[in-house]
Amino acid sequence: MDKRKVITAYQRGFITIQECSQILGIENVHLSRLIQEAVNNCDTEDIVNQPING
């Protein structure tokens, strides 16, 4: 599964931070950095308006 889709699912509230880290197979500290990078790389509007399925 694409990391961006998992992070977007977390940001939208579909999964918890623990579920997100388990799916990606990384620790919460590393996951926090990935999420921060994702937020910095795109607008909040882009996250809200993109469909989760692709």
N, C-alpha and C. Protein backbone atom coordinates (compact mmCIF):
# COMPACT_ATOMS: atom_id res chain seq x y z
N MET A 1 0.84 -1.18 0.00
CA MET A 1 0.00 0.00 0.00
C MET A 1 0.89 1.24 0.00
N ASP A 2 0.45 2.26 -0.69
CA ASP A 2 1.17 3.52 -0.80
C ASP A 2 1.18 4.24 0.56
N LYS A 3 2.36 4.68 0.98
CA LYS A 3 2.48 5.37 2.27
C LYS A 3 1.61 6.61 2.32
N ARG A 4 1.51 7.32 1.22
CA ARG A 4 0.71 8.55 1.21
C ARG A 4 -0.76 8.26 1.49
N LYS A 5 -1.26 7.14 0.98
CA LYS A 5 -2.66 6.79 1.22
C LYS A 5 -2.89 6.45 2.68
N VAL A 6 -1.94 5.75 3.29
CA VAL A 6 -2.07 5.40 4.70
C VAL A 6 -2.04 6.66 5.55
N ILE A 7 -1.12 7.56 5.26
CA ILE A 7 -1.02 8.81 6.02
C ILE A 7 -2.28 9.65 5.83
N THR A 8 -2.80 9.70 4.62
CA THR A 8 -4.04 10.44 4.36
C THR A 8 -5.20 9.83 5.13
N ALA A 9 -5.26 8.52 5.20
CA ALA A 9 -6.31 7.86 5.97
C ALA A 9 -6.22 8.24 7.43
N TYR A 10 -5.01 8.32 7.97
CA TYR A 10 -4.81 8.75 9.35
C TYR A 10 -5.26 10.21 9.53
N GLN A 11 -4.85 11.08 8.60
CA GLN A 11 -5.19 12.49 8.70
C GLN A 11 -6.69 12.72 8.63
N ARG A 12 -7.39 11.88 7.90
CA ARG A 12 -8.84 11.99 7.78
C ARG A 12 -9.59 11.32 8.94
N GLY A 13 -8.86 10.60 9.78
CA GLY A 13 -9.47 9.99 10.94
C GLY A 13 -10.01 8.59 10.71
N PHE A 14 -9.64 7.97 9.59
CA PHE A 14 -10.12 6.63 9.30
C PHE A 14 -9.39 5.57 10.13
N ILE A 15 -8.12 5.84 10.46
CA ILE A 15 -7.33 4.91 11.27
C ILE A 15 -6.59 5.69 12.35
N THR A 16 -6.16 4.99 13.40
CA THR A 16 -5.42 5.62 14.49
C THR A 16 -3.94 5.70 14.13
N ILE A 17 -3.20 6.46 14.93
CA ILE A 17 -1.76 6.57 14.72
C ILE A 17 -1.08 5.21 14.90
N GLN A 18 -1.58 4.40 15.83
CA GLN A 18 -1.02 3.07 16.04
C GLN A 18 -1.26 2.18 14.83
N GLU A 19 -2.47 2.22 14.28
CA GLU A 19 -2.78 1.44 13.09
C GLU A 19 -1.94 1.88 11.91
N CYS A 20 -1.76 3.18 11.79
CA CYS A 20 -0.95 3.74 10.71
C CYS A 20 0.48 3.23 10.81
N SER A 21 1.06 3.27 11.99
CA SER A 21 2.43 2.81 12.15
C SER A 21 2.55 1.31 11.92
N GLN A 22 1.54 0.54 12.30
CA GLN A 22 1.57 -0.91 12.06
C GLN A 22 1.49 -1.22 10.57
N ILE A 23 0.62 -0.53 9.85
CA ILE A 23 0.49 -0.75 8.41
C ILE A 23 1.79 -0.44 7.69
N LEU A 24 2.41 0.67 8.09
CA LEU A 24 3.65 1.08 7.44
C LEU A 24 4.87 0.32 7.97
N GLY A 25 4.72 -0.32 9.13
CA GLY A 25 5.82 -1.08 9.70
C GLY A 25 6.93 -0.21 10.25
N ILE A 26 6.56 0.92 10.82
CA ILE A 26 7.56 1.83 11.39
C ILE A 26 7.14 2.25 12.79
N GLU A 27 8.08 2.81 13.55
CA GLU A 27 7.81 3.28 14.89
C GLU A 27 7.11 4.64 14.85
N ASN A 28 6.43 4.97 15.94
CA ASN A 28 5.68 6.22 16.00
C ASN A 28 6.54 7.45 15.80
N VAL A 29 7.78 7.43 16.27
CA VAL A 29 8.66 8.60 16.11
C VAL A 29 8.93 8.85 14.64
N HIS A 30 9.26 7.81 13.91
CA HIS A 30 9.52 7.95 12.47
C HIS A 30 8.23 8.34 11.74
N LEU A 31 7.11 7.77 12.18
CA LEU A 31 5.83 8.09 11.56
C LEU A 31 5.48 9.56 11.74
N SER A 32 5.76 10.11 12.90
CA SER A 32 5.49 11.54 13.14
C SER A 32 6.25 12.41 12.14
N ARG A 33 7.49 12.02 11.85
CA ARG A 33 8.27 12.78 10.85
C ARG A 33 7.66 12.66 9.47
N LEU A 34 7.21 11.46 9.10
CA LEU A 34 6.60 11.26 7.78
C LEU A 34 5.33 12.09 7.64
N ILE A 35 4.53 12.12 8.69
CA ILE A 35 3.28 12.89 8.65
C ILE A 35 3.58 14.37 8.53
N GLN A 36 4.57 14.85 9.29
CA GLN A 36 4.94 16.26 9.21
C GLN A 36 5.43 16.61 7.81
N GLU A 37 6.22 15.73 7.20
CA GLU A 37 6.69 15.97 5.84
C GLU A 37 5.52 16.00 4.86
N ALA A 38 4.55 15.12 5.05
CA ALA A 38 3.39 15.08 4.17
C ALA A 38 2.60 16.37 4.28
N VAL A 39 2.46 16.87 5.49
CA VAL A 39 1.72 18.12 5.69
C VAL A 39 2.47 19.28 5.06
N ASN A 40 3.79 19.28 5.19
CA ASN A 40 4.59 20.36 4.63
C ASN A 40 4.61 20.34 3.10
N ASN A 41 4.43 19.17 2.50
CA ASN A 41 4.53 19.03 1.04
C ASN A 41 3.24 19.32 0.29
N CYS A 42 2.12 19.42 0.97
CA CYS A 42 0.88 19.68 0.27
C CYS A 42 -0.05 20.54 1.11
N ASP A 43 -0.97 21.20 0.44
CA ASP A 43 -1.96 22.04 1.11
C ASP A 43 -2.97 21.19 1.86
N THR A 44 -3.56 21.76 2.90
CA THR A 44 -4.63 21.08 3.62
C THR A 44 -5.81 20.84 2.70
N GLU A 45 -6.08 21.78 1.80
CA GLU A 45 -7.19 21.60 0.86
C GLU A 45 -6.98 20.39 -0.03
N ASP A 46 -5.74 20.14 -0.44
CA ASP A 46 -5.43 18.98 -1.27
C ASP A 46 -5.74 17.69 -0.53
N ILE A 47 -5.41 17.64 0.75
CA ILE A 47 -5.66 16.45 1.56
C ILE A 47 -7.16 16.21 1.69
N VAL A 48 -7.91 17.26 1.94
CA VAL A 48 -9.35 17.15 2.14
C VAL A 48 -10.07 16.75 0.86
N ASN A 49 -9.63 17.27 -0.29
CA ASN A 49 -10.35 17.07 -1.52
C ASN A 49 -9.95 15.84 -2.31
N GLN A 50 -8.89 15.15 -1.92
CA GLN A 50 -8.47 13.96 -2.66
C GLN A 50 -9.23 12.74 -2.18
N PRO A 51 -9.69 11.91 -3.09
CA PRO A 51 -10.35 10.67 -2.68
C PRO A 51 -9.33 9.69 -2.11
N ILE A 52 -9.72 8.94 -1.12
CA ILE A 52 -8.82 8.01 -0.47
C ILE A 52 -8.47 6.82 -1.34
N ASN A 53 -9.35 6.47 -2.29
CA ASN A 53 -9.13 5.30 -3.13
C ASN A 53 -8.23 5.56 -4.34
N GLY A 54 -7.82 6.76 -4.52
CA GLY A 54 -6.91 6.95 -5.63
C GLY A 54 -7.19 8.14 -6.42
